[in-house]
């Protein structure tokens, strides 16, 4: 059993390593509707982070509705990307449950704890504090592209993800989602430099 770093933003994938061979070629096409919805939601999420910034500045708290939408957005995006990247076979549901807790209807799961009281001072520098993560994630992202190529050929020829390759890719998404949750003001807990 893998051990994970305790963090308010938790990303996981519960799916078999076996994937039909054709999915490596065509599953991204099936994911296009989800990717369009996730892209549209990104604009709304950006506007809500801007509003949340002022709410936290004046009250020290993120409005409940904004927290729920941002959790929905990050979860929906993770499900869309995991499916488009043929990390699993289950077509993600078009669900828009505004909750921090994942309902478990998809193998790609993301949970975000309610933020509670947030630092008014950190909102000025969270983006700055995240820069080291973005630098490291840039290079980790290059490795992820190589891992996807390895996974693509493996699924195409064997119908199975190499366990370590898929775990690495899920870890990259996990790390990225923690950083996004931090920058989106969903938590004051600084994300670890970790794939776990």
Foldseek 3Di string as FASTA:
>chain_A
DDDDDDDQKFKAFDAAQFAAQCCLPPQLVVLVVLVVVLVVLVVVLVVLLVVQLVVCLVPQFGDLQNLLSVLQSLQSVQQSVCRSLCVHPDDDDPDRGRAQAFPPPHRIGIHGDAAPGHDNVCLVCLVVVCVVVVVVLVVLVVVLVVLSVVQSVCCNVPRGGDVVSSLSNSLSSRQVSSSVCSNSVRYVDDGDPTSD
